[in-house]
C-alpha atoms as a PDB file:
ATOM      1  CA  MET A   1       8.931  32.935  24.351  1.00  0.00           C
ATOM      2  CA  PRO A   2       8.962  33.457  20.501  1.00  0.00           C
ATOM      3  CA  GLN A   3       5.658  32.950  18.864  1.00  0.00           C
ATOM      4  CA  LYS A   4       5.396  29.833  16.723  1.00  0.00           C
ATOM      5  CA  ASN A   5       4.346  30.314  13.159  1.00  0.00           C
ATOM      6  CA  ARG A   6       0.967  28.756  12.486  1.00  0.00           C
ATOM      7  CA  VAL A   7      -0.142  28.065   8.994  1.00  0.00           C
ATOM      8  CA  THR A   8      -3.918  28.188   8.521  1.00  0.00           C
ATOM      9  CA  LEU A   9      -5.555  27.193   5.208  1.00  0.00           C
ATOM     10  CA  SER A  10      -8.670  28.955   4.163  1.00  0.00           C
ATOM     11  CA  PRO A  11     -11.811  26.898   3.518  1.00  0.00           C
ATOM     12  CA  MET A  12     -11.948  25.895  -0.178  1.00  0.00           C
ATOM     13  CA  ASP A  13     -14.331  23.832  -2.254  1.00  0.00           C
ATOM     14  CA  ARG A  14     -12.285  21.814  -4.695  1.00  0.00           C
ATOM     15  CA  PRO A  15     -13.706  21.217  -8.064  1.00  0.00           C
ATOM     16  CA  ILE A  16     -14.885  17.583  -8.643  1.00  0.00           C
ATOM     17  CA  HIS A  17     -14.189  16.327 -12.082  1.00  0.00           C
ATOM     18  CA  ASN A  18     -15.710  12.835 -11.715  1.00  0.00           C
ATOM     19  CA  GLU A  19     -19.450  12.947 -12.160  1.00  0.00           C
ATOM     20  CA  THR A  20     -19.726   9.214 -12.641  1.00  0.00           C
ATOM     21  CA  PRO A  21     -22.591   7.939 -10.471  1.00  0.00           C
ATOM     22  CA  PHE A  22     -21.323   5.611  -7.711  1.00  0.00           C
ATOM     23  CA  GLY A  23     -23.466   3.572  -5.367  1.00  0.00           C
ATOM     24  CA  PRO A  24     -24.656  -0.008  -4.394  1.00  0.00           C
ATOM     25  CA  ALA A  25     -26.297  -0.321  -7.788  1.00  0.00           C
ATOM     26  CA  ASN A  26     -22.962  -0.232  -9.800  1.00  0.00           C
ATOM     27  CA  ALA A  27     -20.598  -1.208  -6.913  1.00  0.00           C
ATOM     28  CA  GLY A  28     -21.539  -4.921  -7.419  1.00  0.00           C
ATOM     29  CA  ILE A  29     -20.986  -7.486  -4.636  1.00  0.00           C
ATOM     30  CA  ASP A  30     -17.242  -8.253  -5.315  1.00  0.00           C
ATOM     31  CA  PRO A  31     -14.805  -5.671  -3.749  1.00  0.00           C
ATOM     32  CA  PHE A  32     -11.903  -7.364  -5.667  1.00  0.00           C
ATOM     33  CA  ALA A  33     -13.715  -6.934  -9.048  1.00  0.00           C
ATOM     34  CA  LEU A  34     -14.398  -3.328  -8.172  1.00  0.00           C
ATOM     35  CA  PHE A  35     -10.942  -2.558  -7.042  1.00  0.00           C
ATOM     36  CA  GLU A  36      -9.560  -4.085 -10.458  1.00  0.00           C
ATOM     37  CA  GLN A  37     -11.967  -1.869 -12.348  1.00  0.00           C
ATOM     38  CA  TRP A  38     -10.773   1.286 -10.404  1.00  0.00           C
ATOM     39  CA  PHE A  39      -7.127   0.316 -10.575  1.00  0.00           C
ATOM     40  CA  LYS A  40      -7.288  -0.215 -14.314  1.00  0.00           C
ATOM     41  CA  THR A  41      -8.734   3.227 -14.823  1.00  0.00           C
ATOM     42  CA  ALA A  42      -6.037   4.729 -12.555  1.00  0.00           C
ATOM     43  CA  MET A  43      -3.390   2.971 -14.571  1.00  0.00           C
ATOM     44  CA  GLU A  44      -4.592   4.488 -17.661  1.00  0.00           C
ATOM     45  CA  THR A  45      -4.197   8.026 -16.544  1.00  0.00           C
ATOM     46  CA  ASP A  46      -1.198   7.727 -14.146  1.00  0.00           C
ATOM     47  CA  PRO A  47       0.623   4.477 -14.461  1.00  0.00           C
ATOM     48  CA  ASN A  48       3.710   5.592 -12.488  1.00  0.00           C
ATOM     49  CA  ASN A  49       1.673   6.231  -9.276  1.00  0.00           C
ATOM     50  CA  ALA A  50      -1.476   4.162  -9.551  1.00  0.00           C
ATOM     51  CA  ALA A  51       0.186   1.155  -7.539  1.00  0.00           C
ATOM     52  CA  VAL A  52       1.474   3.483  -4.710  1.00  0.00           C
ATOM     53  CA  MET A  53      -0.307   2.940  -1.398  1.00  0.00           C
ATOM     54  CA  THR A  54      -0.055   4.028   2.160  1.00  0.00           C
ATOM     55  CA  LEU A  55       0.661   1.152   4.532  1.00  0.00           C
ATOM     56  CA  ALA A  56      -0.405   1.835   8.191  1.00  0.00           C
ATOM     57  CA  THR A  57       0.849  -0.486  11.036  1.00  0.00           C
ATOM     58  CA  ALA A  58       0.549  -0.088  14.821  1.00  0.00           C
ATOM     59  CA  PHE A  59       2.715  -1.365  17.677  1.00  0.00           C
ATOM     60  CA  ASN A  60       2.245  -0.587  21.442  1.00  0.00           C
ATOM     61  CA  ASN A  61      -0.653   1.634  20.462  1.00  0.00           C
ATOM     62  CA  ARG A  62       1.575   3.874  18.358  1.00  0.00           C
ATOM     63  CA  PRO A  63       0.578   3.941  14.701  1.00  0.00           C
ATOM     64  CA  SER A  64       3.054   4.515  11.764  1.00  0.00           C
ATOM     65  CA  ALA A  65       2.534   4.989   8.069  1.00  0.00           C
ATOM     66  CA  ARG A  66       4.564   5.000   4.918  1.00  0.00           C
ATOM     67  CA  MET A  67       4.280   4.731   1.157  1.00  0.00           C
ATOM     68  CA  VAL A  68       4.914   1.407  -0.448  1.00  0.00           C
ATOM     69  CA  LEU A  69       4.373  -0.105  -3.947  1.00  0.00           C
ATOM     70  CA  MET A  70       1.732  -2.795  -4.534  1.00  0.00           C
ATOM     71  CA  LYS A  71       3.306  -5.523  -6.611  1.00  0.00           C
ATOM     72  CA  GLU A  72       0.472  -7.932  -6.975  1.00  0.00           C
ATOM     73  CA  HIS A  73      -3.196  -8.124  -6.192  1.00  0.00           C
ATOM     74  CA  SER A  74      -5.681 -10.945  -6.446  1.00  0.00           C
ATOM     75  CA  PRO A  75      -8.547 -12.336  -4.409  1.00  0.00           C
ATOM     76  CA  ASP A  76      -5.853 -13.679  -2.063  1.00  0.00           C
ATOM     77  CA  GLY A  77      -4.623 -10.259  -1.086  1.00  0.00           C
ATOM     78  CA  PHE A  78      -2.315  -7.271  -1.766  1.00  0.00           C
ATOM     79  CA  VAL A  79       1.432  -7.987  -2.009  1.00  0.00           C
ATOM     80  CA  PHE A  80       4.417  -5.704  -1.425  1.00  0.00           C
ATOM     81  CA  TYR A  81       8.031  -6.276  -0.699  1.00  0.00           C
ATOM     82  CA  THR A  82      10.148  -5.024   2.173  1.00  0.00           C
ATOM     83  CA  ASN A  83      12.983  -5.710   4.493  1.00  0.00           C
ATOM     84  CA  TYR A  84      11.453  -7.999   7.230  1.00  0.00           C
ATOM     85  CA  GLU A  85      13.773  -6.287   9.929  1.00  0.00           C
ATOM     86  CA  SER A  86      12.578  -2.737   8.951  1.00  0.00           C
ATOM     87  CA  ARG A  87      10.243  -0.878  11.288  1.00  0.00           C
ATOM     88  CA  LYS A  88       7.184  -1.906   9.240  1.00  0.00           C
ATOM     89  CA  GLY A  89       8.428  -5.486   9.024  1.00  0.00           C
ATOM     90  CA  SER A  90       9.101  -5.672  12.775  1.00  0.00           C
ATOM     91  CA  GLU A  91       5.637  -4.045  13.674  1.00  0.00           C
ATOM     92  CA  LEU A  92       3.784  -6.510  11.379  1.00  0.00           C
ATOM     93  CA  ALA A  93       5.518  -9.339  12.869  1.00  0.00           C
ATOM     94  CA  GLU A  94       4.299  -8.320  16.321  1.00  0.00           C
ATOM     95  CA  ASN A  95       0.868  -6.965  15.160  1.00  0.00           C
ATOM     96  CA  PRO A  96      -0.259  -8.242  11.699  1.00  0.00           C
ATOM     97  CA  LYS A  97      -3.364  -5.992  11.757  1.00  0.00           C
ATOM     98  CA  SER A  98      -2.747  -3.318   9.070  1.00  0.00           C
ATOM     99  CA  ALA A  99      -4.414  -1.059   6.491  1.00  0.00           C
ATOM    100  CA  LEU A 100      -3.777   0.256   3.082  1.00  0.00           C
ATOM    101  CA  VAL A 101      -4.908   3.462   1.340  1.00  0.00           C
ATOM    102  CA  PHE A 102      -4.896   4.086  -2.415  1.00  0.00           C
ATOM    103  CA  TRP A 103      -5.511   7.658  -3.607  1.00  0.00           C
ATOM    104  CA  TRP A 104      -6.172   8.406  -7.318  1.00  0.00           C
ATOM    105  CA  PRO A 105      -6.735  12.235  -7.544  1.00  0.00           C
ATOM    106  CA  ALA A 106      -7.476  12.244 -11.309  1.00  0.00           C
ATOM    107  CA  GLN A 107     -10.589  10.111 -10.629  1.00  0.00           C
ATOM    108  CA  GLU A 108     -11.342  11.652  -7.140  1.00  0.00           C
ATOM    109  CA  ARG A 109     -11.240   8.013  -5.735  1.00  0.00           C
ATOM    110  CA  GLN A 110      -9.813   6.452  -2.722  1.00  0.00           C
ATOM    111  CA  VAL A 111      -9.802   2.972  -1.550  1.00  0.00           C
ATOM    112  CA  ARG A 112      -9.166   1.817   2.018  1.00  0.00           C
ATOM    113  CA  ILE A 113      -8.489  -1.795   2.914  1.00  0.00           C
ATOM    114  CA  GLU A 114      -8.151  -3.306   6.401  1.00  0.00           C
ATOM    115  CA  GLY A 115      -6.957  -6.796   7.180  1.00  0.00           C
ATOM    116  CA  HIS A 116      -4.076  -8.855   8.466  1.00  0.00           C
ATOM    117  CA  THR A 117      -0.715  -9.400   6.766  1.00  0.00           C
ATOM    118  CA  THR A 118       1.319 -12.539   6.297  1.00  0.00           C
ATOM    119  CA  ARG A 119       4.511 -13.518   4.593  1.00  0.00           C
ATOM    120  CA  ILE A 120       4.319 -14.940   1.129  1.00  0.00           C
ATOM    121  CA  SER A 121       6.300 -18.114   0.436  1.00  0.00           C
ATOM    122  CA  ALA A 122       9.979 -18.000   0.178  1.00  0.00           C
ATOM    123  CA  GLU A 123       9.655 -19.419  -3.358  1.00  0.00           C
ATOM    124  CA  ALA A 124       7.447 -16.521  -4.422  1.00  0.00           C
ATOM    125  CA  SER A 125       9.869 -13.991  -2.815  1.00  0.00           C
ATOM    126  CA  ASP A 126      12.803 -15.667  -4.573  1.00  0.00           C
ATOM    127  CA  ALA A 127      11.018 -15.560  -7.967  1.00  0.00           C
ATOM    128  CA  TYR A 128      10.279 -11.946  -7.618  1.00  0.00           C
ATOM    129  CA  PHE A 129      13.601 -10.993  -6.270  1.00  0.00           C
ATOM    130  CA  ALA A 130      15.280 -12.760  -9.453  1.00  0.00           C
ATOM    131  CA  THR A 131      13.358 -10.213 -11.591  1.00  0.00           C
ATOM    132  CA  ARG A 132      14.765  -7.043  -9.875  1.00  0.00           C
ATOM    133  CA  PRO A 133      17.565  -5.011 -11.357  1.00  0.00           C
ATOM    134  CA  ARG A 134      20.964  -5.960 -10.131  1.00  0.00           C
ATOM    135  CA  ASP A 135      21.531  -2.828  -8.144  1.00  0.00           C
ATOM    136  CA  SER A 136      18.199  -3.276  -6.535  1.00  0.00           C
ATOM    137  CA  GLN A 137      19.238  -6.837  -5.607  1.00  0.00           C
ATOM    138  CA  LEU A 138      22.518  -5.440  -4.190  1.00  0.00           C
ATOM    139  CA  SER A 139      20.758  -2.763  -2.112  1.00  0.00           C
ATOM    140  CA  ALA A 140      18.781  -5.434  -0.357  1.00  0.00           C
ATOM    141  CA  TRP A 141      22.102  -6.849   1.018  1.00  0.00           C
ATOM    142  CA  ALA A 142      23.741  -3.410   1.593  1.00  0.00           C
ATOM    143  CA  SER A 143      21.033  -1.611   3.701  1.00  0.00           C
ATOM    144  CA  ALA A 144      19.838  -2.762   7.154  1.00  0.00           C
ATOM    145  CA  GLN A 145      16.640  -0.810   6.640  1.00  0.00           C
ATOM    146  CA  SER A 146      15.468   1.553   9.323  1.00  0.00           C
ATOM    147  CA  SER A 147      18.683   1.192  11.273  1.00  0.00           C
ATOM    148  CA  GLU A 148      20.554   4.497  12.171  1.00  0.00           C
ATOM    149  CA  ILE A 149      23.656   5.124   9.983  1.00  0.00           C
ATOM    150  CA  ASP A 150      26.566   7.774  10.009  1.00  0.00           C
ATOM    151  CA  GLU A 151      26.773   8.149   6.132  1.00  0.00           C
ATOM    152  CA  PRO A 152      24.891   7.222   2.966  1.00  0.00           C
ATOM    153  CA  ILE A 153      24.894   3.520   2.094  1.00  0.00           C
ATOM    154  CA  SER A 154      27.195   2.393  -0.751  1.00  0.00           C
ATOM    155  CA  LEU A 155      26.839  -0.657  -2.883  1.00  0.00           C
ATOM    156  CA  GLU A 156      30.581  -1.087  -3.258  1.00  0.00           C
ATOM    157  CA  ALA A 157      31.056  -3.755  -0.528  1.00  0.00           C
ATOM    158  CA  ALA A 158      28.007  -5.720  -1.916  1.00  0.00           C
ATOM    159  CA  LYS A 159      29.416  -5.535  -5.481  1.00  0.00           C
ATOM    160  CA  ALA A 160      32.814  -6.802  -4.166  1.00  0.00           C
ATOM    161  CA  LYS A 161      31.032  -9.624  -2.414  1.00  0.00           C
ATOM    162  CA  PHE A 162      29.097 -11.026  -5.251  1.00  0.00           C
ATOM    163  CA  LYS A 163      31.346  -9.881  -8.201  1.00  0.00           C
ATOM    164  CA  ASP A 164      29.580 -11.238 -11.222  1.00  0.00           C
ATOM    165  CA  ASP A 165      27.871 -14.078  -9.552  1.00  0.00           C
ATOM    166  CA  PRO A 166      23.966 -14.383  -9.351  1.00  0.00           C
ATOM    167  CA  ILE A 167      22.720 -12.604  -6.187  1.00  0.00           C
ATOM    168  CA  PRO A 168      20.542 -14.665  -3.989  1.00  0.00           C
ATOM    169  CA  ARG A 169      17.662 -13.111  -1.876  1.00  0.00           C
ATOM    170  CA  PRO A 170      18.631 -12.333   1.660  1.00  0.00           C
ATOM    171  CA  CYS A 171      16.434 -14.135   4.124  1.00  0.00           C
ATOM    172  CA  SER A 172      15.665 -10.770   5.685  1.00  0.00           C
ATOM    173  CA  TRP A 173      13.943  -9.481   2.573  1.00  0.00           C
ATOM    174  CA  GLY A 174      10.749 -10.710   0.985  1.00  0.00           C
ATOM    175  CA  GLY A 175       7.029 -10.255   0.331  1.00  0.00           C
ATOM    176  CA  LEU A 176       4.151  -9.566   2.558  1.00  0.00           C
ATOM    177  CA  GLN A 177       0.494  -9.935   1.683  1.00  0.00           C
ATOM    178  CA  LEU A 178      -2.315  -8.048   3.270  1.00  0.00           C
ATOM    179  CA  VAL A 179      -5.452 -10.373   3.382  1.00  0.00           C
ATOM    180  CA  PRO A 180      -8.504  -7.973   3.304  1.00  0.00           C
ATOM    181  CA  GLU A 181     -11.252  -8.015   5.943  1.00  0.00           C
ATOM    182  CA  ARG A 182     -12.852  -4.676   5.081  1.00  0.00           C
ATOM    183  CA  PHE A 183     -12.878  -2.549   1.984  1.00  0.00           C
ATOM    184  CA  GLU A 184     -14.054   1.120   1.678  1.00  0.00           C
ATOM    185  CA  PHE A 185     -14.481   2.748  -1.767  1.00  0.00           C
ATOM    186  CA  TRP A 186     -14.695   6.548  -1.736  1.00  0.00           C
ATOM    187  CA  GLN A 187     -15.580   8.712  -4.738  1.00  0.00           C
ATOM    188  CA  GLY A 188     -15.742  12.555  -4.523  1.00  0.00           C
ATOM    189  CA  ARG A 189     -18.929  14.585  -5.248  1.00  0.00           C
ATOM    190  CA  THR A 190     -19.650  18.247  -5.074  1.00  0.00           C
ATOM    191  CA  SER A 191     -20.635  19.987  -1.781  1.00  0.00           C
ATOM    192  CA  ARG A 192     -18.585  17.310   0.131  1.00  0.00           C
ATOM    193  CA  LEU A 193     -21.514  14.914  -0.343  1.00  0.00           C
ATOM    194  CA  HIS A 194     -19.012  12.205  -1.258  1.00  0.00           C
ATOM    195  CA  ASP A 195     -20.075   8.648  -2.157  1.00  0.00           C
ATOM    196  CA  ARG A 196     -18.762   5.793   0.325  1.00  0.00           C
ATOM    197  CA  ILE A 197     -19.399   2.128  -0.149  1.00  0.00           C
ATOM    198  CA  ALA A 198     -17.961  -0.380   2.447  1.00  0.00           C
ATOM    199  CA  PHE A 199     -17.683  -4.044   1.970  1.00  0.00           C
ATOM    200  CA  ILE A 200     -17.719  -6.142   5.181  1.00  0.00           C
ATOM    201  CA  GLN A 201     -16.917  -9.800   5.158  1.00  0.00           C
ATOM    202  CA  LYS A 202     -19.146 -12.026   7.180  1.00  0.00           C
ATOM    203  CA  ASN A 203     -19.240 -15.840   6.964  1.00  0.00           C
ATOM    204  CA  GLY A 204     -17.070 -15.774   3.858  1.00  0.00           C
ATOM    205  CA  GLN A 205     -19.298 -13.395   1.943  1.00  0.00           C
ATOM    206  CA  TRP A 206     -18.877  -9.750   1.172  1.00  0.00           C
ATOM    207  CA  SER A 207     -21.684  -7.428   2.004  1.00  0.00           C
ATOM    208  CA  PRO A 208     -21.814  -3.896   0.505  1.00  0.00           C
ATOM    209  CA  ARG A 209     -23.413  -0.935   2.297  1.00  0.00           C
ATOM    210  CA  ARG A 210     -23.559   2.768   1.820  1.00  0.00           C
ATOM    211  CA  LEU A 211     -21.940   5.013   4.374  1.00  0.00           C
ATOM    212  CA  ALA A 212     -22.755   8.747   5.129  1.00  0.00           C
ATOM    213  CA  PRO A 213     -20.161  11.099   3.642  1.00  0.00           C
END
């Protein structure tokens, strides 16, 4: 049998550029406030990618993950939009437990958020859909996301359907909100002795605690 190529990476100690102290003393007691602080810093250095997050779902003991865009965050949760009939939409309908990961390399920071996902109201989805560019609205009608296709999707049929009329939101497309049950904030340090602060919710209160790197 032919030998399979194996790529092995040499050990390396990446330089850590963030020497800002991070621990329980400056993490505070509100994970949403800390997230807002870190997110604001990430937006200042990389506004195009600061809201990109990994969404992890699981169904029948099989995990899957993909990158999505956070469109809103508040103490109620973290909102993103998708086709409800896509793989992620279907998996979340069966198992709403999910997780998010934000990675901001310029600050050597990562935020992990675990919780359960629910649909936002139809009115809120309608309001957001109305702000999207017209071609993005058309694509929500043109694509049965995650289904197998023989050739690239075209917007022509959707354009012919709606002509110059306003485009309504398809009922298969809308917002989902992850309601957090656990946060973990990670900040890199030299020698792999990274700082990790977890926030665990108990009886409606958030409790911060330091984790070993």
